[in-house]
N, C-alpha and C. Protein backbone atom coordinates (compact mmCIF):
# COMPACT_ATOMS: atom_id res chain seq x y z
N ALA A 1 -32.63 -20.60 -32.82
CA ALA A 1 -31.18 -20.65 -32.95
C ALA A 1 -30.63 -19.23 -33.16
N ILE A 2 -29.46 -19.02 -32.67
CA ILE A 2 -28.81 -17.72 -32.80
C ILE A 2 -28.02 -17.69 -34.09
N SER A 3 -28.18 -16.63 -34.83
CA SER A 3 -27.50 -16.48 -36.10
C SER A 3 -25.99 -16.39 -35.90
N LYS A 4 -25.26 -17.01 -36.80
CA LYS A 4 -23.79 -16.95 -36.75
C LYS A 4 -23.29 -15.54 -37.08
N ARG A 5 -24.13 -14.71 -37.68
CA ARG A 5 -23.74 -13.35 -38.05
C ARG A 5 -23.69 -12.42 -36.85
N HIS A 6 -24.35 -12.80 -35.77
CA HIS A 6 -24.43 -11.91 -34.61
C HIS A 6 -23.54 -12.44 -33.48
N SER A 7 -22.90 -11.54 -32.82
CA SER A 7 -22.06 -11.89 -31.69
C SER A 7 -22.77 -11.42 -30.41
N ILE A 8 -22.94 -12.32 -29.48
CA ILE A 8 -23.58 -12.00 -28.22
C ILE A 8 -22.48 -11.72 -27.20
N SER A 9 -22.42 -10.51 -26.67
CA SER A 9 -21.33 -10.15 -25.77
C SER A 9 -21.58 -10.63 -24.33
N ALA A 10 -22.84 -10.76 -23.91
CA ALA A 10 -23.13 -11.18 -22.55
C ALA A 10 -24.56 -11.72 -22.46
N VAL A 11 -24.79 -12.53 -21.43
CA VAL A 11 -26.12 -13.08 -21.17
C VAL A 11 -26.49 -12.73 -19.73
N PHE A 12 -27.68 -12.15 -19.53
CA PHE A 12 -28.22 -11.90 -18.21
C PHE A 12 -29.40 -12.84 -18.02
N ALA A 13 -29.39 -13.62 -16.95
CA ALA A 13 -30.48 -14.55 -16.69
C ALA A 13 -31.04 -14.32 -15.29
N SER A 14 -32.34 -14.25 -15.23
CA SER A 14 -33.05 -14.16 -13.96
C SER A 14 -34.03 -15.33 -13.93
N PRO A 15 -33.50 -16.53 -13.60
CA PRO A 15 -34.36 -17.70 -13.64
C PRO A 15 -35.49 -17.60 -12.62
N PRO A 16 -36.61 -18.27 -12.88
CA PRO A 16 -37.77 -18.18 -11.98
C PRO A 16 -37.51 -18.90 -10.66
N TRP A 17 -37.17 -18.15 -9.62
CA TRP A 17 -36.90 -18.76 -8.33
C TRP A 17 -37.96 -18.45 -7.30
N GLY A 18 -39.01 -17.76 -7.67
CA GLY A 18 -40.10 -17.48 -6.74
C GLY A 18 -41.08 -18.63 -6.72
N GLY A 19 -42.27 -18.36 -6.34
CA GLY A 19 -43.30 -19.39 -6.34
C GLY A 19 -43.64 -19.88 -4.94
N PRO A 20 -44.51 -20.89 -4.86
CA PRO A 20 -45.03 -21.36 -3.58
C PRO A 20 -43.96 -21.82 -2.59
N GLY A 21 -42.87 -22.41 -3.06
CA GLY A 21 -41.86 -22.93 -2.15
C GLY A 21 -40.78 -21.93 -1.78
N TYR A 22 -40.87 -20.72 -2.33
CA TYR A 22 -39.83 -19.73 -2.11
C TYR A 22 -39.87 -19.17 -0.70
N HIS A 23 -38.80 -19.24 -0.02
CA HIS A 23 -38.50 -18.66 1.29
C HIS A 23 -39.19 -19.36 2.46
N ARG A 24 -40.36 -19.70 2.48
CA ARG A 24 -41.07 -20.38 3.56
C ARG A 24 -40.20 -20.70 4.78
N GLY A 25 -39.55 -19.70 5.30
CA GLY A 25 -38.75 -19.87 6.49
C GLY A 25 -37.42 -20.56 6.25
N ALA A 26 -37.11 -20.87 5.01
CA ALA A 26 -35.86 -21.54 4.70
C ALA A 26 -34.69 -20.60 4.97
N ARG A 27 -33.61 -21.15 5.48
CA ARG A 27 -32.42 -20.35 5.74
C ARG A 27 -31.55 -20.25 4.49
N GLN A 28 -31.71 -21.21 3.60
CA GLN A 28 -30.94 -21.20 2.36
C GLN A 28 -31.83 -21.66 1.21
N PHE A 29 -31.57 -21.10 0.04
CA PHE A 29 -32.28 -21.51 -1.16
C PHE A 29 -31.31 -22.32 -2.01
N ARG A 30 -31.67 -23.55 -2.34
CA ARG A 30 -30.79 -24.44 -3.09
C ARG A 30 -30.92 -24.14 -4.60
N ILE A 31 -29.99 -23.36 -5.12
CA ILE A 31 -30.03 -23.03 -6.55
C ILE A 31 -29.71 -24.26 -7.39
N SER A 32 -29.12 -25.28 -6.76
CA SER A 32 -28.85 -26.53 -7.47
C SER A 32 -30.13 -27.34 -7.67
N GLU A 33 -31.20 -26.95 -6.98
CA GLU A 33 -32.47 -27.68 -7.06
C GLU A 33 -33.61 -26.82 -7.60
N MET A 34 -33.27 -25.66 -8.20
CA MET A 34 -34.33 -24.80 -8.76
C MET A 34 -35.10 -25.56 -9.82
N LYS A 35 -36.37 -25.23 -9.96
CA LYS A 35 -37.23 -25.83 -10.98
C LYS A 35 -37.74 -24.73 -11.90
N PRO A 36 -37.89 -24.88 -13.16
CA PRO A 36 -37.68 -26.13 -13.89
C PRO A 36 -36.22 -26.40 -14.26
N PHE A 37 -35.32 -25.43 -14.05
CA PHE A 37 -33.91 -25.63 -14.39
C PHE A 37 -33.04 -25.22 -13.21
N SER A 38 -32.02 -26.02 -12.93
CA SER A 38 -31.08 -25.66 -11.87
C SER A 38 -30.20 -24.51 -12.35
N ALA A 39 -29.52 -23.87 -11.42
CA ALA A 39 -28.60 -22.79 -11.79
C ALA A 39 -27.52 -23.31 -12.74
N SER A 40 -27.08 -24.53 -12.52
CA SER A 40 -26.06 -25.13 -13.40
C SER A 40 -26.60 -25.27 -14.82
N GLN A 41 -27.83 -25.72 -14.96
CA GLN A 41 -28.43 -25.86 -16.30
C GLN A 41 -28.58 -24.51 -16.98
N VAL A 42 -28.98 -23.49 -16.23
CA VAL A 42 -29.11 -22.14 -16.79
C VAL A 42 -27.74 -21.65 -17.22
N PHE A 43 -26.73 -21.85 -16.35
CA PHE A 43 -25.36 -21.43 -16.67
C PHE A 43 -24.85 -22.14 -17.93
N GLN A 44 -25.05 -23.45 -18.02
CA GLN A 44 -24.56 -24.21 -19.18
C GLN A 44 -25.22 -23.72 -20.47
N ALA A 45 -26.52 -23.45 -20.43
CA ALA A 45 -27.21 -22.94 -21.62
C ALA A 45 -26.67 -21.57 -22.00
N ALA A 46 -26.48 -20.70 -21.01
CA ALA A 46 -25.97 -19.35 -21.28
C ALA A 46 -24.54 -19.40 -21.82
N SER A 47 -23.73 -20.33 -21.31
CA SER A 47 -22.32 -20.40 -21.74
C SER A 47 -22.18 -20.86 -23.18
N LYS A 48 -23.23 -21.42 -23.76
CA LYS A 48 -23.20 -21.78 -25.18
C LYS A 48 -23.35 -20.55 -26.07
N VAL A 49 -23.83 -19.46 -25.47
CA VAL A 49 -24.07 -18.22 -26.20
C VAL A 49 -22.94 -17.22 -25.98
N SER A 50 -22.45 -17.14 -24.73
CA SER A 50 -21.40 -16.18 -24.39
C SER A 50 -20.68 -16.64 -23.11
N PRO A 51 -19.40 -16.35 -23.00
CA PRO A 51 -18.68 -16.66 -21.76
C PRO A 51 -18.95 -15.63 -20.65
N ASN A 52 -19.59 -14.54 -21.00
CA ASN A 52 -19.87 -13.45 -20.06
C ASN A 52 -21.32 -13.57 -19.60
N ILE A 53 -21.50 -13.98 -18.34
CA ILE A 53 -22.82 -14.35 -17.85
C ILE A 53 -23.09 -13.66 -16.52
N ALA A 54 -24.32 -13.20 -16.34
CA ALA A 54 -24.79 -12.68 -15.05
C ALA A 54 -26.04 -13.46 -14.67
N LEU A 55 -26.07 -13.98 -13.43
CA LEU A 55 -27.23 -14.70 -12.92
C LEU A 55 -27.79 -13.94 -11.72
N PHE A 56 -29.06 -13.58 -11.77
CA PHE A 56 -29.75 -12.87 -10.70
C PHE A 56 -30.47 -13.92 -9.85
N LEU A 57 -30.10 -14.01 -8.56
CA LEU A 57 -30.57 -15.11 -7.71
C LEU A 57 -31.03 -14.61 -6.34
N PRO A 58 -31.71 -15.46 -5.56
CA PRO A 58 -32.16 -15.05 -4.22
C PRO A 58 -31.01 -14.69 -3.30
N ARG A 59 -31.26 -13.78 -2.39
CA ARG A 59 -30.22 -13.29 -1.48
C ARG A 59 -29.71 -14.37 -0.54
N PHE A 60 -30.52 -15.36 -0.26
CA PHE A 60 -30.10 -16.41 0.65
C PHE A 60 -29.80 -17.72 -0.08
N SER A 61 -29.24 -17.60 -1.29
CA SER A 61 -28.81 -18.78 -2.04
C SER A 61 -27.73 -19.51 -1.26
N CYS A 62 -27.74 -20.82 -1.35
CA CYS A 62 -26.81 -21.67 -0.61
C CYS A 62 -25.36 -21.39 -1.04
N PRO A 63 -24.49 -20.99 -0.11
CA PRO A 63 -23.08 -20.72 -0.46
C PRO A 63 -22.37 -21.91 -1.10
N ASP A 64 -22.69 -23.13 -0.67
CA ASP A 64 -22.07 -24.31 -1.26
C ASP A 64 -22.46 -24.45 -2.74
N ASP A 65 -23.72 -24.16 -3.05
CA ASP A 65 -24.18 -24.23 -4.44
C ASP A 65 -23.50 -23.15 -5.29
N ILE A 66 -23.33 -21.96 -4.71
CA ILE A 66 -22.65 -20.87 -5.44
C ILE A 66 -21.21 -21.25 -5.71
N GLN A 67 -20.54 -21.81 -4.70
CA GLN A 67 -19.14 -22.23 -4.86
C GLN A 67 -19.03 -23.31 -5.92
N ALA A 68 -19.95 -24.26 -5.93
CA ALA A 68 -19.93 -25.33 -6.94
C ALA A 68 -20.10 -24.75 -8.34
N LEU A 69 -20.99 -23.76 -8.48
CA LEU A 69 -21.19 -23.13 -9.78
C LEU A 69 -19.94 -22.36 -10.21
N ALA A 70 -19.29 -21.69 -9.27
CA ALA A 70 -18.04 -20.99 -9.58
C ALA A 70 -16.97 -21.97 -10.03
N GLU A 71 -16.89 -23.12 -9.37
CA GLU A 71 -15.92 -24.15 -9.77
C GLU A 71 -16.26 -24.70 -11.15
N GLU A 72 -17.55 -24.92 -11.40
CA GLU A 72 -17.99 -25.43 -12.70
C GLU A 72 -17.62 -24.46 -13.82
N SER A 73 -17.69 -23.17 -13.53
CA SER A 73 -17.41 -22.17 -14.56
C SER A 73 -15.96 -22.21 -15.03
N LYS A 74 -15.07 -22.75 -14.19
CA LYS A 74 -13.65 -22.81 -14.56
C LYS A 74 -13.42 -23.68 -15.79
N SER A 75 -14.29 -24.64 -16.04
CA SER A 75 -14.12 -25.54 -17.18
C SER A 75 -14.78 -25.00 -18.45
N THR A 76 -15.29 -23.77 -18.39
CA THR A 76 -15.92 -23.16 -19.56
C THR A 76 -15.08 -21.98 -20.03
N ALA A 77 -15.55 -21.33 -21.07
CA ALA A 77 -14.84 -20.16 -21.60
C ALA A 77 -14.85 -19.00 -20.60
N SER A 78 -15.72 -19.06 -19.58
CA SER A 78 -15.75 -18.01 -18.56
C SER A 78 -14.48 -18.02 -17.71
N GLY A 79 -13.84 -19.18 -17.62
CA GLY A 79 -12.57 -19.30 -16.91
C GLY A 79 -12.69 -19.05 -15.42
N ASN A 80 -11.64 -18.48 -14.83
CA ASN A 80 -11.58 -18.26 -13.39
C ASN A 80 -12.25 -16.97 -12.94
N LEU A 81 -12.84 -16.23 -13.85
CA LEU A 81 -13.42 -14.94 -13.46
C LEU A 81 -14.83 -15.13 -12.90
N PHE A 82 -15.00 -14.70 -11.64
CA PHE A 82 -16.26 -14.85 -10.93
C PHE A 82 -16.38 -13.73 -9.91
N GLU A 83 -17.59 -13.21 -9.76
CA GLU A 83 -17.84 -12.18 -8.76
C GLU A 83 -19.26 -12.32 -8.24
N LEU A 84 -19.44 -12.09 -6.95
CA LEU A 84 -20.76 -12.08 -6.33
C LEU A 84 -21.05 -10.66 -5.88
N GLU A 85 -22.18 -10.13 -6.30
CA GLU A 85 -22.60 -8.78 -5.90
C GLU A 85 -23.91 -8.89 -5.12
N ARG A 86 -23.97 -8.23 -3.99
CA ARG A 86 -25.21 -8.18 -3.21
C ARG A 86 -26.02 -6.97 -3.67
N ASN A 87 -27.31 -7.19 -3.93
CA ASN A 87 -28.19 -6.14 -4.42
C ASN A 87 -29.09 -5.64 -3.29
N TYR A 88 -29.18 -4.32 -3.16
CA TYR A 88 -29.95 -3.71 -2.08
C TYR A 88 -30.98 -2.73 -2.64
N VAL A 89 -32.04 -2.56 -1.86
CA VAL A 89 -33.02 -1.51 -2.08
C VAL A 89 -32.92 -0.61 -0.86
N VAL A 90 -32.87 0.70 -1.07
CA VAL A 90 -32.83 1.65 0.04
C VAL A 90 -34.23 2.21 0.23
N GLU A 91 -34.77 2.00 1.42
CA GLU A 91 -36.12 2.47 1.74
C GLU A 91 -36.09 3.96 2.05
N LYS A 92 -37.27 4.56 2.15
CA LYS A 92 -37.38 6.00 2.43
C LYS A 92 -36.66 6.40 3.71
N ASN A 93 -36.67 5.52 4.70
CA ASN A 93 -36.01 5.84 5.97
C ASN A 93 -34.51 5.51 5.94
N MET A 94 -33.98 5.32 4.75
CA MET A 94 -32.57 5.03 4.51
C MET A 94 -32.15 3.64 5.01
N TYR A 95 -33.11 2.77 5.26
CA TYR A 95 -32.84 1.40 5.65
C TYR A 95 -32.50 0.59 4.41
N ARG A 96 -31.35 -0.09 4.43
CA ARG A 96 -30.93 -0.91 3.30
C ARG A 96 -31.46 -2.33 3.47
N GLN A 97 -32.18 -2.81 2.48
CA GLN A 97 -32.72 -4.17 2.50
C GLN A 97 -32.08 -4.96 1.37
N GLU A 98 -31.35 -6.02 1.72
CA GLU A 98 -30.78 -6.86 0.68
C GLU A 98 -31.91 -7.61 0.00
N THR A 99 -31.95 -7.55 -1.32
CA THR A 99 -33.05 -8.16 -2.06
C THR A 99 -32.64 -9.38 -2.86
N ALA A 100 -31.41 -9.42 -3.32
CA ALA A 100 -30.97 -10.52 -4.18
C ALA A 100 -29.45 -10.48 -4.30
N ILE A 101 -28.91 -11.43 -5.05
CA ILE A 101 -27.49 -11.40 -5.41
C ILE A 101 -27.38 -11.56 -6.91
N THR A 102 -26.31 -11.07 -7.46
CA THR A 102 -26.01 -11.30 -8.88
C THR A 102 -24.63 -11.94 -8.95
N LEU A 103 -24.55 -13.05 -9.67
CA LEU A 103 -23.28 -13.72 -9.90
C LEU A 103 -22.81 -13.33 -11.29
N TYR A 104 -21.56 -12.88 -11.38
CA TYR A 104 -20.98 -12.49 -12.66
C TYR A 104 -19.87 -13.46 -13.03
N PHE A 105 -19.83 -13.85 -14.29
CA PHE A 105 -18.81 -14.76 -14.81
C PHE A 105 -18.17 -14.15 -16.04
N GLY A 106 -16.95 -14.58 -16.34
CA GLY A 106 -16.25 -14.07 -17.51
C GLY A 106 -15.83 -12.64 -17.32
N HIS A 107 -15.85 -11.87 -18.39
CA HIS A 107 -15.38 -10.49 -18.33
C HIS A 107 -16.33 -9.53 -17.62
N LEU A 108 -17.50 -10.02 -17.22
CA LEU A 108 -18.41 -9.20 -16.39
C LEU A 108 -17.90 -9.16 -14.95
N ALA A 109 -17.09 -10.14 -14.57
CA ALA A 109 -16.53 -10.22 -13.22
C ALA A 109 -15.28 -9.38 -13.13
N THR A 110 -14.97 -8.95 -11.91
CA THR A 110 -13.77 -8.13 -11.73
C THR A 110 -12.69 -8.83 -10.93
N SER A 111 -12.94 -10.10 -10.55
CA SER A 111 -11.94 -10.82 -9.76
C SER A 111 -11.93 -12.29 -10.13
N GLU A 112 -10.89 -13.00 -9.70
CA GLU A 112 -10.83 -14.43 -9.93
C GLU A 112 -11.63 -15.15 -8.87
N THR A 113 -12.01 -16.39 -9.16
CA THR A 113 -12.80 -17.19 -8.26
C THR A 113 -12.11 -17.32 -6.90
N THR A 114 -12.88 -17.06 -5.85
CA THR A 114 -12.35 -17.19 -4.49
C THR A 114 -13.35 -17.96 -3.65
N GLN A 115 -12.93 -18.38 -2.49
CA GLN A 115 -13.83 -19.04 -1.55
C GLN A 115 -14.87 -18.03 -1.09
N LEU A 116 -16.08 -18.48 -0.88
CA LEU A 116 -17.16 -17.61 -0.40
C LEU A 116 -17.10 -17.49 1.10
């Protein structure tokens, strides 16, 4: 349990989305079906600690699942603030490879929820 004396300003979560079923030619990764916890379950647990949440997820996460999570966040203290950031690694030959996405909620976000 978190002590009432401490204030948590933000939560960063990188749920385990790798493993044997990861990517196998899939065009989309269903964050709503992640195991052992869905993105929604991770978000709900994090929102009990702070309204400011960052979720690090696969680059090809399902846009419908992301939109549903953004809509779900509106009913929490995170409110309408939501942002999606694409994360890249730059190789030696200056080739940019998208590696993941980070979803920001609450005051970590810089914009209001929009359609993806």
